[in-house]
Protein backbone atom coordinates (compact mmCIF):
# COMPACT_ATOMS: atom_id res chain seq x y z
CA UNK A 1 14.68 -15.13 -15.44
CA UNK A 2 14.08 -18.78 -14.64
CA UNK A 3 12.12 -20.53 -11.94
CA UNK A 4 15.25 -21.58 -10.03
CA UNK A 5 16.23 -17.95 -9.42
CA UNK A 6 12.84 -17.23 -7.87
CA UNK A 7 13.02 -20.36 -5.73
CA UNK A 8 16.42 -19.26 -4.46
CA UNK A 9 15.14 -15.91 -3.22
CA UNK A 10 11.61 -16.89 -2.18
CA UNK A 11 11.91 -16.56 1.58
CA UNK A 12 10.10 -14.59 4.31
CA UNK A 13 10.67 -10.85 4.39
CA UNK A 14 8.98 -7.48 5.01
CA UNK A 15 6.98 -5.72 2.29
CA UNK A 16 8.69 -2.44 3.31
CA UNK A 17 5.63 -0.26 3.04
CA UNK A 18 7.37 1.40 5.97
CA UNK A 19 10.73 1.28 7.65
CA UNK A 20 10.90 0.05 10.33
CA UNK A 21 8.00 -2.33 9.53
CA UNK A 22 4.86 -2.19 11.67
CA UNK A 23 6.13 -5.18 13.67
CA UNK A 24 8.36 -2.67 15.52
CA UNK A 25 5.54 -0.35 16.61
CA UNK A 26 5.19 -0.28 20.40
CA UNK A 27 2.08 0.27 22.53
CA UNK A 28 1.39 2.89 25.16
CA UNK A 29 1.57 5.97 22.93
CA UNK A 30 -0.53 8.79 24.42
CA UNK A 31 -2.77 11.41 22.85
CA UNK A 32 -0.40 14.14 24.05
CA UNK A 33 2.57 12.44 22.36
CA UNK A 34 0.57 12.07 19.15
CA UNK A 35 -0.34 15.77 19.07
CA UNK A 36 3.30 16.72 19.67
CA UNK A 37 4.34 14.66 16.65
CA UNK A 38 1.63 16.31 14.53
CA UNK A 39 2.94 19.74 15.54
CA UNK A 40 6.51 18.69 14.78
CA UNK A 41 5.52 17.53 11.29
CA UNK A 42 4.80 21.16 10.34
CA UNK A 43 8.52 21.88 10.21
CA UNK A 44 9.51 18.61 8.50
CA UNK A 45 9.63 17.63 4.83
CA UNK A 46 7.67 16.97 2.71
CA UNK A 47 5.34 19.87 3.48
CA UNK A 48 2.40 18.32 1.61
CA UNK A 49 -0.25 16.31 3.43
CA UNK A 50 -1.54 12.87 2.50
CA UNK A 51 -4.69 11.65 4.24
CA UNK A 52 -5.77 8.05 4.71
CA UNK A 53 -9.36 7.20 5.74
CA UNK A 54 -10.04 3.69 7.04
CA UNK A 55 -13.55 2.21 6.80
CA UNK A 56 -13.41 -1.16 8.61
CA UNK A 57 -16.83 -2.47 7.61
CA UNK A 58 -17.39 -5.29 5.09
CA UNK A 59 -20.73 -6.89 4.14
CA UNK A 60 -18.87 -10.20 3.96
CA UNK A 61 -15.40 -11.22 5.18
CA UNK A 62 -13.08 -12.76 2.58
CA UNK A 63 -11.07 -15.67 3.97
CA UNK A 64 -7.81 -14.45 2.40
CA UNK A 65 -7.98 -10.92 3.83
CA UNK A 66 -5.25 -9.68 6.16
CA UNK A 67 -6.76 -6.21 6.73
CA UNK A 68 -8.44 -4.84 9.83
CA UNK A 69 -12.11 -5.46 9.05
CA UNK A 70 -15.41 -6.37 10.65
CA UNK A 71 -18.86 -7.36 9.48
CA UNK A 72 -20.97 -4.31 8.55
CA UNK A 73 -22.96 -2.88 11.43
CA UNK A 74 -26.38 -1.29 11.69
CA UNK A 75 -26.74 2.22 10.35
CA UNK A 76 -26.54 3.88 13.78
CA UNK A 77 -23.08 2.39 14.40
CA UNK A 78 -21.80 3.46 10.97
CA UNK A 79 -23.20 6.95 11.61
CA UNK A 80 -21.34 7.09 14.93
CA UNK A 81 -18.12 5.92 13.25
CA UNK A 82 -18.37 8.63 10.57
CA UNK A 83 -18.97 11.25 13.27
CA UNK A 84 -15.85 9.99 15.06
CA UNK A 85 -13.72 10.39 11.93
CA UNK A 86 -15.05 13.93 11.44
CA UNK A 87 -14.22 14.78 15.04
CA UNK A 88 -10.73 13.29 14.63
CA UNK A 89 -10.11 15.36 11.49
CA UNK A 90 -11.23 18.56 13.23
CA UNK A 91 -9.07 17.79 16.26
CA UNK A 92 -5.93 17.22 14.17
CA UNK A 93 -6.64 20.28 11.99
CA UNK A 94 -6.05 22.56 15.00
CA UNK A 95 -2.38 21.57 15.07
CA UNK A 96 -1.56 21.63 11.34
CA UNK A 97 -0.04 24.58 9.53
CA UNK A 98 -2.84 25.91 7.30
CA UNK A 99 -0.31 26.67 4.54
CA UNK A 100 0.29 22.95 4.01
CA UNK A 101 -1.60 21.59 1.03
CA UNK A 102 -3.23 18.20 0.52
CA UNK A 103 -1.69 16.25 -2.37
CA UNK A 104 -3.25 12.83 -1.72
CA UNK A 105 -6.34 11.29 -0.09
CA UNK A 106 -6.76 7.52 -0.01
CA UNK A 107 -9.78 5.58 1.25
CA UNK A 108 -9.25 1.96 2.24
CA UNK A 109 -10.63 -0.70 4.49
CA UNK A 110 -12.58 -2.85 4.87
CA UNK A 111 -14.87 -1.95 2.01
CA UNK A 112 -15.22 1.85 1.89
CA UNK A 113 -17.65 1.82 -1.05
CA UNK A 114 -20.08 -0.47 0.81
CA UNK A 115 -21.27 2.30 3.13
CA UNK A 116 -23.69 5.01 2.05
CA UNK A 117 -21.62 7.29 -0.19
CA UNK A 118 -23.34 10.32 1.36
CA UNK A 119 -21.10 9.62 4.37
CA UNK A 120 -18.07 9.71 2.09
CA UNK A 121 -19.14 13.08 0.68
CA UNK A 122 -19.65 14.36 4.22
CA UNK A 123 -16.04 13.59 5.16
CA UNK A 124 -14.70 14.90 1.84
CA UNK A 125 -16.53 18.19 2.53
CA UNK A 126 -14.73 18.48 5.87
CA UNK A 127 -11.40 18.07 4.06
CA UNK A 128 -12.33 20.68 1.43
CA UNK A 129 -13.53 23.17 4.05
CA UNK A 130 -10.40 22.90 6.18
CA UNK A 131 -7.53 22.39 3.71
CA UNK A 132 -6.14 23.64 0.42
CA UNK A 133 -5.45 21.05 -2.29
CA UNK A 134 -2.59 20.90 -4.76
CA UNK A 135 -3.50 21.24 -8.42
CA UNK A 136 -2.87 17.56 -9.18
CA UNK A 137 -4.07 16.06 -5.90
CA UNK A 138 -4.71 12.31 -6.09
CA UNK A 139 -8.06 11.33 -4.54
CA UNK A 140 -8.46 7.54 -4.58
CA UNK A 141 -10.68 4.80 -3.19
CA UNK A 142 -10.27 1.02 -2.99
CA UNK A 143 -13.59 -0.36 -4.24
CA UNK A 144 -15.13 -3.81 -4.10
CA UNK A 145 -16.92 -4.26 -7.47
CA UNK A 146 -19.71 -6.27 -5.81
CA UNK A 147 -20.99 -3.00 -4.31
CA UNK A 148 -20.33 -0.63 -7.20
CA UNK A 149 -22.58 0.55 -10.02
CA UNK A 150 -22.69 3.48 -12.45
CA UNK A 151 -24.59 5.71 -10.01
CA UNK A 152 -21.91 5.12 -7.36
CA UNK A 153 -19.17 6.07 -9.82
CA UNK A 154 -21.06 9.30 -10.60
CA UNK A 155 -21.30 10.13 -6.90
CA UNK A 156 -17.61 9.43 -6.27
CA UNK A 157 -16.71 11.70 -9.17
CA UNK A 158 -18.92 14.47 -7.78
CA UNK A 159 -17.19 14.06 -4.39
CA UNK A 160 -13.82 14.79 -5.97
CA UNK A 161 -12.41 11.31 -6.55
CA UNK A 162 -10.20 10.91 -9.62
CA UNK A 163 -8.78 7.40 -9.08
CA UNK A 164 -10.40 4.06 -8.31
CA UNK A 165 -8.79 0.70 -7.56
CA UNK A 166 -11.05 -2.29 -8.17
CA UNK A 167 -10.41 -5.36 -6.02
CA UNK A 168 -11.18 -7.98 -8.66
CA UNK A 169 -8.82 -10.61 -7.14
CA UNK A 170 -10.05 -13.31 -9.59
CA UNK A 171 -12.56 -13.33 -12.46
CA UNK A 172 -13.64 -16.93 -11.78
CA UNK A 173 -16.83 -16.99 -9.65
CA UNK A 174 -15.91 -20.44 -8.30
CA UNK A 175 -12.59 -19.17 -6.91
CA UNK A 176 -14.39 -16.19 -5.38
CA UNK A 177 -16.95 -18.51 -3.82
CA UNK A 178 -14.17 -20.64 -2.32
CA UNK A 179 -12.62 -17.59 -0.61
CA UNK A 180 -16.05 -16.22 0.43
CA UNK A 181 -15.92 -13.16 -1.84
CA UNK A 182 -18.92 -11.84 -3.75
CA UNK A 183 -18.52 -11.39 -7.53
CA UNK A 184 -18.81 -8.05 -9.29
CA UNK A 185 -22.31 -6.55 -9.53
CA UNK A 186 -21.60 -5.42 -13.12
CA UNK A 187 -19.05 -6.65 -15.69
CA UNK A 188 -15.63 -5.24 -14.78
CA UNK A 189 -15.07 -4.17 -18.37
CA UNK A 190 -18.20 -2.01 -18.32
CA UNK A 191 -17.27 -0.46 -14.96
CA UNK A 192 -13.79 0.48 -16.21
CA UNK A 193 -15.14 1.83 -19.48
CA UNK A 194 -17.62 4.02 -17.58
CA UNK A 195 -14.88 5.30 -15.27
CA UNK A 196 -12.79 6.31 -18.27
CA UNK A 197 -15.77 8.12 -19.80
CA UNK A 198 -16.17 10.02 -16.52
CA UNK A 199 -12.54 11.12 -16.56
CA UNK A 200 -11.03 8.90 -13.86
CA UNK A 201 -7.25 8.54 -14.28
CA UNK A 202 -4.98 5.81 -13.00
CA UNK A 203 -7.74 3.17 -12.88
CA UNK A 204 -6.29 0.08 -11.21
CA UNK A 205 -7.27 -3.59 -11.05
CA UNK A 206 -6.04 -5.87 -8.25
CA UNK A 207 -5.50 -9.59 -8.80
CA UNK A 208 -4.30 -12.11 -6.23
CA UNK A 209 -2.32 -15.25 -7.05
CA UNK A 210 -1.95 -18.23 -4.73
CA UNK A 211 -5.62 -18.75 -3.82
CA UNK A 212 -7.35 -22.18 -3.63
CA UNK A 213 -8.64 -23.27 -7.01
CA UNK A 214 -6.11 -21.21 -8.97
CA UNK A 215 -3.63 -22.79 -11.40
CA UNK A 216 -1.01 -21.22 -13.67
CA UNK A 217 -3.44 -21.71 -16.56
CA UNK A 218 -6.41 -20.13 -14.78
CA UNK A 219 -4.27 -17.21 -13.62
CA UNK A 220 -3.17 -16.65 -17.21
CA UNK A 221 -6.86 -16.39 -18.12
CA UNK A 222 -7.27 -13.79 -15.36
CA UNK A 223 -4.38 -11.71 -16.67
CA UNK A 224 -5.63 -12.00 -20.25
CA UNK A 225 -9.05 -10.66 -19.21
CA UNK A 226 -7.38 -7.80 -17.35
CA UNK A 227 -5.30 -6.90 -20.41
CA UNK A 228 -8.47 -6.84 -22.54
CA UNK A 229 -10.09 -4.45 -20.06
CA UNK A 230 -6.96 -2.25 -20.34
CA UNK A 231 -6.70 -0.50 -16.95
CA UNK A 232 -4.05 2.19 -16.49
CA UNK A 233 -2.50 0.18 -13.67
CA UNK A 234 -2.64 -3.40 -12.48
CA UNK A 235 -1.34 -5.16 -9.38
CA UNK A 236 -0.77 -8.91 -9.01
CA UNK A 237 -0.45 -9.52 -5.30
CA UNK A 238 0.99 -12.65 -3.82
CA UNK A 239 -1.49 -14.11 -1.35
CA UNK A 240 0.18 -13.64 2.04
CA UNK A 241 -0.61 -16.73 4.09
CA UNK A 242 -0.25 -15.64 7.73
CA UNK A 243 -2.77 -17.73 9.71
CA UNK A 244 -0.92 -16.85 12.93
CA UNK A 245 -2.16 -13.28 12.33
CA UNK A 246 -5.50 -13.96 10.61
CA UNK A 247 -7.08 -17.19 11.88
CA UNK A 248 -9.70 -17.20 9.09
CA UNK A 249 -6.94 -18.06 6.63
CA UNK A 250 -6.79 -21.56 8.14
CA UNK A 251 -10.00 -22.26 6.20
CA UNK A 252 -8.02 -21.88 2.96
CA UNK A 253 -5.49 -24.48 4.11
CA UNK A 254 -8.31 -27.01 4.30
CA UNK A 255 -9.48 -26.09 0.80
CA UNK A 256 -5.99 -26.63 -0.59
CA UNK A 257 -3.52 -23.90 -1.52
CA UNK A 258 -1.43 -24.00 -4.74
CA UNK A 259 2.09 -25.37 -4.31
CA UNK A 260 5.03 -22.94 -4.11
CA UNK A 261 6.07 -23.95 -7.65
CA UNK A 262 2.57 -23.28 -8.97
CA UNK A 263 2.52 -19.92 -7.24
CA UNK A 264 5.85 -18.93 -8.78
CA UNK A 265 4.60 -19.96 -12.20
CA UNK A 266 1.55 -17.72 -11.70
CA UNK A 267 3.81 -14.79 -10.88
CA UNK A 268 5.97 -15.42 -13.95
CA UNK A 269 2.88 -15.85 -16.12
CA UNK A 270 1.55 -12.47 -15.07
CA UNK A 271 4.94 -10.83 -15.49
CA UNK A 272 5.49 -12.15 -19.00
CA UNK A 273 1.97 -11.44 -20.25
CA UNK A 274 1.78 -7.92 -18.86
CA UNK A 275 5.21 -6.81 -20.06
CA UNK A 276 4.45 -8.21 -23.53
CA UNK A 277 1.22 -6.20 -23.47
CA UNK A 278 3.23 -3.01 -22.95
CA UNK A 279 2.91 -2.54 -19.19
CA UNK A 280 5.94 -1.27 -17.25
CA UNK A 281 6.88 -3.12 -14.06
CA UNK A 282 6.65 -0.92 -10.95
CA UNK A 283 8.46 -2.59 -8.09
CA UNK A 284 7.79 -6.33 -8.01
CA UNK A 285 4.00 -6.57 -8.13
CA UNK A 286 2.65 -3.41 -9.79
CA UNK A 287 2.35 -2.59 -13.49
CA UNK A 288 1.47 0.65 -15.29
CA UNK A 289 1.03 1.76 -18.86
CA UNK A 290 3.99 3.65 -20.31
CA UNK A 291 2.16 6.98 -20.26
CA UNK A 292 1.02 6.60 -16.64
CA UNK A 293 2.44 8.89 -13.94
CA UNK A 294 4.00 5.94 -12.11
CA UNK A 295 5.92 4.85 -15.22
CA UNK A 296 7.13 8.41 -15.78
CA UNK A 297 8.19 8.67 -12.13
CA UNK A 298 10.12 5.39 -12.37
CA UNK A 299 11.93 6.66 -15.46
CA UNK A 300 12.76 9.96 -13.72
CA UNK A 301 13.74 8.23 -10.44
CA UNK A 302 10.98 10.08 -8.55
CA UNK A 303 8.87 7.09 -7.51
CA UNK A 304 7.84 6.82 -3.86
CA UNK A 305 5.97 4.36 -1.64
CA UNK A 306 3.87 4.38 1.53
CA UNK A 307 1.23 2.19 3.18
CA UNK A 308 -1.22 3.14 0.40
CA UNK A 309 1.08 1.85 -2.34
CA UNK A 310 3.31 3.44 -4.99
CA UNK A 311 3.03 7.16 -5.67
CA UNK A 312 5.02 9.97 -7.25
CA UNK A 313 7.16 12.37 -5.24
CA UNK A 314 4.79 15.11 -6.41
CA UNK A 315 1.74 13.56 -4.72
CA UNK A 316 3.58 12.16 -1.70
CA UNK A 317 3.09 13.95 1.59
CA UNK A 318 3.43 13.11 5.23
CA UNK A 319 0.49 10.78 5.85
CA UNK A 320 -2.11 11.35 8.54
CA UNK A 321 -4.45 8.42 9.09
CA UNK A 322 -8.05 8.71 10.25
CA UNK A 323 -10.21 5.88 11.52
CA UNK A 324 -9.56 2.65 13.42
CA UNK A 325 -6.18 0.97 12.76
CA UNK A 326 -5.10 3.74 10.35
CA UNK A 327 -1.39 4.56 10.32
CA UNK A 328 0.04 8.06 10.38
CA UNK A 329 3.40 8.24 8.58
CA UNK A 330 5.28 11.40 9.49
CA UNK A 331 8.88 12.21 8.75
CA UNK A 332 9.75 11.60 12.39
CA UNK A 333 7.27 8.98 13.56
CA UNK A 334 4.72 6.29 12.76
CA UNK A 335 1.54 6.25 14.84
CA UNK A 336 -1.21 3.64 14.52
CA UNK A 337 -4.72 4.14 15.85
CA UNK A 338 -6.38 1.48 17.98
CA UNK A 339 -7.63 -1.39 15.82
CA UNK A 340 -11.08 -2.09 17.25
CA UNK A 341 -13.58 0.44 15.92
CA UNK A 342 -15.66 0.47 19.12
CA UNK A 343 -12.61 1.36 21.21
CA UNK A 344 -11.64 3.90 18.55
CA UNK A 345 -15.01 5.67 18.85
CA UNK A 346 -14.76 5.71 22.65
CA UNK A 347 -11.29 7.30 22.58
CA UNK A 348 -12.29 9.86 19.95
CA UNK A 349 -15.25 10.85 22.12
CA UNK A 350 -12.89 11.42 25.09
CA UNK A 351 -9.75 12.82 23.48
CA UNK A 352 -10.42 13.60 19.81
CA UNK A 353 -7.57 11.27 18.77
CA UNK A 354 -7.04 7.52 19.30
CA UNK A 355 -3.36 6.49 19.06
CA UNK A 356 -2.26 3.05 20.21
CA UNK A 357 1.12 1.92 18.86
CA UNK A 358 3.94 4.07 17.57
CA UNK A 359 7.56 4.22 16.54
CA UNK A 360 9.51 7.48 16.90
CA UNK A 361 12.31 7.65 14.36
CA UNK A 362 15.97 8.12 15.23
CA UNK A 363 18.24 9.91 12.76
CA UNK A 364 19.72 6.54 11.77
CA UNK A 365 16.25 5.13 11.06
CA UNK A 366 15.48 7.99 8.68
CA UNK A 367 18.66 7.31 6.69
CA UNK A 368 17.93 3.57 6.50
CA UNK A 369 14.34 4.32 5.42
CA UNK A 370 15.61 6.58 2.63
CA UNK A 371 18.03 3.89 1.38
CA UNK A 372 15.37 1.13 1.42
CA UNK A 373 12.76 3.39 -0.21
CA UNK A 374 15.12 4.24 -3.06
CA UNK A 375 15.90 0.55 -3.55
CA UNK A 376 12.23 -0.47 -3.45
CA UNK A 377 11.01 2.33 -5.71
CA UNK A 378 13.79 3.48 -8.01
CA UNK A 379 16.13 0.50 -8.01
CA UNK A 380 19.32 2.11 -6.78
CA UNK A 381 21.08 3.70 -3.86
CA UNK A 382 23.89 6.23 -4.21
CA UNK A 383 25.60 6.67 -0.84
CA UNK A 384 27.20 9.92 -1.96
CA UNK A 385 23.72 11.30 -2.72
CA UNK A 386 22.43 10.03 0.63
CA UNK A 387 25.26 11.93 2.29
CA UNK A 388 24.34 15.10 0.40
CA UNK A 389 20.66 14.76 1.31
CA UNK A 390 21.31 14.38 5.02
CA UNK A 391 24.61 16.32 5.29
CA UNK A 392 26.26 13.17 6.59
CA UNK A 393 29.42 11.21 5.84
CA UNK A 394 29.17 8.58 3.08
CA UNK A 395 31.12 5.94 5.00
CA UNK A 396 29.10 6.61 8.15
CA UNK A 397 25.87 6.02 6.20
CA UNK A 398 27.25 2.68 5.01
CA UNK A 399 27.90 1.72 8.62
CA UNK A 400 24.36 2.73 9.63
CA UNK A 401 22.78 0.32 7.11
CA UNK A 402 25.53 -2.24 7.83
CA UNK A 403 26.35 -2.25 4.14
CA UNK A 404 28.68 -4.94 2.84
CA UNK A 405 29.29 -5.83 -0.82
CA UNK A 406 29.66 -9.46 0.30
CA UNK A 407 25.98 -9.55 1.32
CA UNK A 408 25.05 -8.58 -2.24
CA UNK A 409 27.42 -10.90 -4.07
CA UNK A 410 24.68 -13.43 -4.91
CA UNK A 411 22.59 -10.72 -6.53
CA UNK A 412 25.58 -9.58 -8.57
CA UNK A 413 26.55 -13.14 -9.53
CA UNK A 414 22.98 -13.79 -10.68
CA UNK A 415 23.14 -10.61 -12.79
CA UNK A 416 20.37 -8.95 -10.79
CA UNK A 417 22.36 -5.86 -9.90
CA UNK A 418 25.69 -4.07 -10.07
CA UNK A 419 27.91 -2.69 -7.32
CA UNK A 420 30.45 0.13 -7.50
CA UNK A 421 32.31 1.89 -4.72
CA UNK A 422 29.42 3.95 -3.37
CA UNK A 423 26.49 2.87 -5.53
CA UNK A 424 24.23 -0.17 -5.83
CA UNK A 425 21.99 -0.43 -8.88
CA UNK A 426 19.32 -3.06 -9.51
CA UNK A 427 18.98 -4.43 -13.02
CA UNK A 428 15.52 -4.74 -14.53
CA UNK A 429 15.34 -8.43 -13.55
CA UNK A 430 16.33 -7.60 -9.99
CA UNK A 431 13.11 -5.68 -9.38
CA UNK A 432 11.24 -8.97 -9.15
CA UNK A 433 13.12 -9.90 -5.98
CA UNK A 434 13.55 -6.29 -4.82
CA UNK A 435 12.31 -7.07 -1.31
CA UNK A 436 15.22 -9.49 -0.91
CA UNK A 437 17.71 -6.85 -2.01
CA UNK A 438 16.17 -4.30 0.36
CA UNK A 439 16.58 -6.81 3.19
CA UNK A 440 20.35 -6.56 2.73
CA UNK A 441 20.15 -2.95 3.98
CA UNK A 442 17.96 -3.69 7.01
CA UNK A 443 19.93 -3.94 10.28
CA UNK A 444 16.76 -4.79 12.23
CA UNK A 445 15.77 -7.80 10.14
CA UNK A 446 17.37 -10.44 12.37
CA UNK A 447 15.15 -9.32 15.24
CA UNK A 448 11.96 -10.22 13.37
CA UNK A 449 12.87 -13.28 11.32
CA UNK A 450 9.92 -15.62 10.85
CA UNK A 451 7.22 -12.94 11.22
CA UNK A 452 6.65 -12.38 7.50
CA UNK A 453 5.13 -14.06 4.47
CA UNK A 454 7.41 -15.14 1.61
CA UNK A 455 8.61 -12.46 -0.77
CA UNK A 456 7.08 -13.95 -3.94
């Protein structure tokens, strides 16, 4: 693929970690409505449970970050926040079918590994005491390497974690300084090597391209260092510049962002280097070794995706989020907790749950979500199969997603995909602009044009 193709398709669009995107969530959702949706989830598929725990605290705020975070508080506040999460878990547990098993737990933030890991173990104990786990349950944490050492890795392993994602972002200390991010406490290579010795699987490194101070050459050096470290998985995220959402990002504008052409070259550099090194492309920004579960799932067309990233169908469950701003992803609804952690703790104290915004799915939404998920994860949509899955008419499903071969003609002409009567299949090259292809199946997109970062 050449640079001109990427320029052609590099326009704003959703990341499709959910459908509809979070921009469609509406306020005013009550605790009673939330509990009703939790009860309803017991009779929906998948039966498995995925839990997400949000820790909003960070010792230092990175200027590029778009997450819901706040500067770390004194110990008494963190203690109160942990108690609130435990109370929320116990409240929700009352309404869940005890036969449902946990197949995935994901800790994010913020910087979850910056708090005392005894708190983490405390919450993990609540999960273990109240739920059964599947045999291959995925227990993962997003870790900032500035606050991670060998003793921490030991404690995470003892708490049941089997996957760690390291937010490296860039190996150059000058770039990290520019974006106000602390460098790793220990060499990344030594951390990863120790994790492997301890039996962690699916070790992931995150890199970001498009930050001030980065060039195509410097990003190539980043990727080369990552390849030498040899993680199981690697993600190269496009820096999403949305200063209208995160005002701190305006600081990076003053420091000078790479040009769009430079950013595209960084993406292509990472793509070429990683695929030559034997990594399989997962979606448009993730890579995995050939023997990794994600690569196997892609090959078997059983890859899935949620707010926590790519997963296999085996580990995917309906997601219940705990903590401020966390998002619950049920078969029939999305519910997001209040964003401010102080308000979250107040509501948990009163009601045991703290919903704020939500979107209750219509039957048409569920079909569109299935189509977009299959495009984003497995690179194809078979409308006959969609009809079989939902016991619906093939032509009716096409109408629901407002499908038209004419909308996809550019992708076909650029040899990015093929179209038959009832099937659309993305070629290998098409995965790199997969968000654009998914947008062709999104009837709601026109209502939110201009709200998103560019796709590459």
